[in-house]
Amino acid sequence: MTEEQTLAYVRAVAAVVGLPLDDEQIARVAVHLQRTAGLAATLEDVPLEPHDEPAELFCPAPFDQPR
């Protein structure tokens, strides 16, 4: 996204979720969003196979265990 598109996106999302952001806050959020998108794009270019990053398995403890 271009800088203008990112600013428009942040304004729209802030309005949808009811965040009262001023122009300076919107600009700061847009900068961080673009930086994060750039990092994500870099990571998406790395070829990974399923065995490169195994997922953890979550097993909650039973409720009847003493603390």
Protein backbone atom coordinates (compact mmCIF):
# COMPACT_ATOMS: atom_id res chain seq x y z
CA MET A 1 0.00 0.00 0.00
CA THR A 2 1.09 3.54 -0.59
CA GLU A 3 1.41 6.01 2.26
CA GLU A 4 -1.90 7.64 1.28
CA GLN A 5 -3.67 4.28 1.14
CA THR A 6 -2.29 3.32 4.53
CA LEU A 7 -3.47 6.60 6.06
CA ALA A 8 -6.92 6.11 4.55
CA TYR A 9 -7.03 2.53 5.86
CA VAL A 10 -6.07 3.59 9.40
CA ARG A 11 -8.68 6.39 9.35
CA ALA A 12 -11.38 3.98 8.17
CA VAL A 13 -10.54 1.25 10.68
CA ALA A 14 -10.36 3.77 13.55
CA ALA A 15 -13.81 5.03 12.60
CA VAL A 16 -15.25 1.51 12.35
CA VAL A 17 -13.98 0.47 15.79
CA GLY A 18 -14.73 3.86 17.36
CA LEU A 19 -11.20 5.03 18.13
CA PRO A 20 -11.02 8.83 18.36
CA LEU A 21 -7.60 9.33 16.74
CA ASP A 22 -6.31 12.72 15.68
CA ASP A 23 -4.25 13.22 12.51
CA GLU A 24 -0.93 12.88 14.36
CA GLN A 25 -1.98 9.59 15.94
CA ILE A 26 -3.25 8.29 12.61
CA ALA A 27 0.08 9.13 11.00
CA ARG A 28 2.01 7.28 13.72
CA VAL A 29 -0.20 4.20 13.45
CA ALA A 30 0.21 4.26 9.65
CA VAL A 31 4.01 4.36 9.96
CA HIS A 32 4.00 1.35 12.27
CA LEU A 33 1.53 -0.50 10.03
CA GLN A 34 3.72 0.05 6.96
CA ARG A 35 6.80 -1.08 8.87
CA THR A 36 5.00 -4.21 10.04
CA ALA A 37 3.78 -4.94 6.51
CA GLY A 38 7.36 -4.62 5.25
CA LEU A 39 8.59 -7.09 7.86
CA ALA A 40 5.80 -9.51 6.98
CA ALA A 41 6.63 -9.26 3.27
CA THR A 42 10.26 -10.12 4.04
CA LEU A 43 9.20 -13.18 6.04
CA GLU A 44 6.78 -14.33 3.35
CA ASP A 45 9.70 -14.56 0.90
CA VAL A 46 11.51 -17.15 3.05
CA PRO A 47 10.80 -20.65 1.80
CA LEU A 48 9.68 -22.81 4.73
CA GLU A 49 8.52 -26.38 4.95
CA PRO A 50 6.18 -27.73 7.65
CA HIS A 51 9.12 -29.35 9.49
CA ASP A 52 10.91 -25.98 9.78
CA GLU A 53 8.50 -24.69 12.39
CA PRO A 54 6.49 -27.36 14.19
CA ALA A 55 3.37 -26.14 15.93
CA GLU A 56 3.03 -26.60 19.65
CA LEU A 57 0.18 -28.75 20.86
CA PHE A 58 -1.99 -27.18 23.56
CA CYS A 59 -3.33 -29.63 26.12
CA PRO A 60 -5.24 -27.92 28.95
CA ALA A 61 -4.94 -29.45 32.39
CA PRO A 62 -8.04 -31.15 33.79
CA PHE A 63 -10.18 -28.97 36.06
CA ASP A 64 -10.01 -31.38 39.00
CA GLN A 65 -6.25 -31.05 39.57
CA PRO A 66 -5.26 -29.58 42.96
CA ARG A 67 -3.32 -26.35 42.94
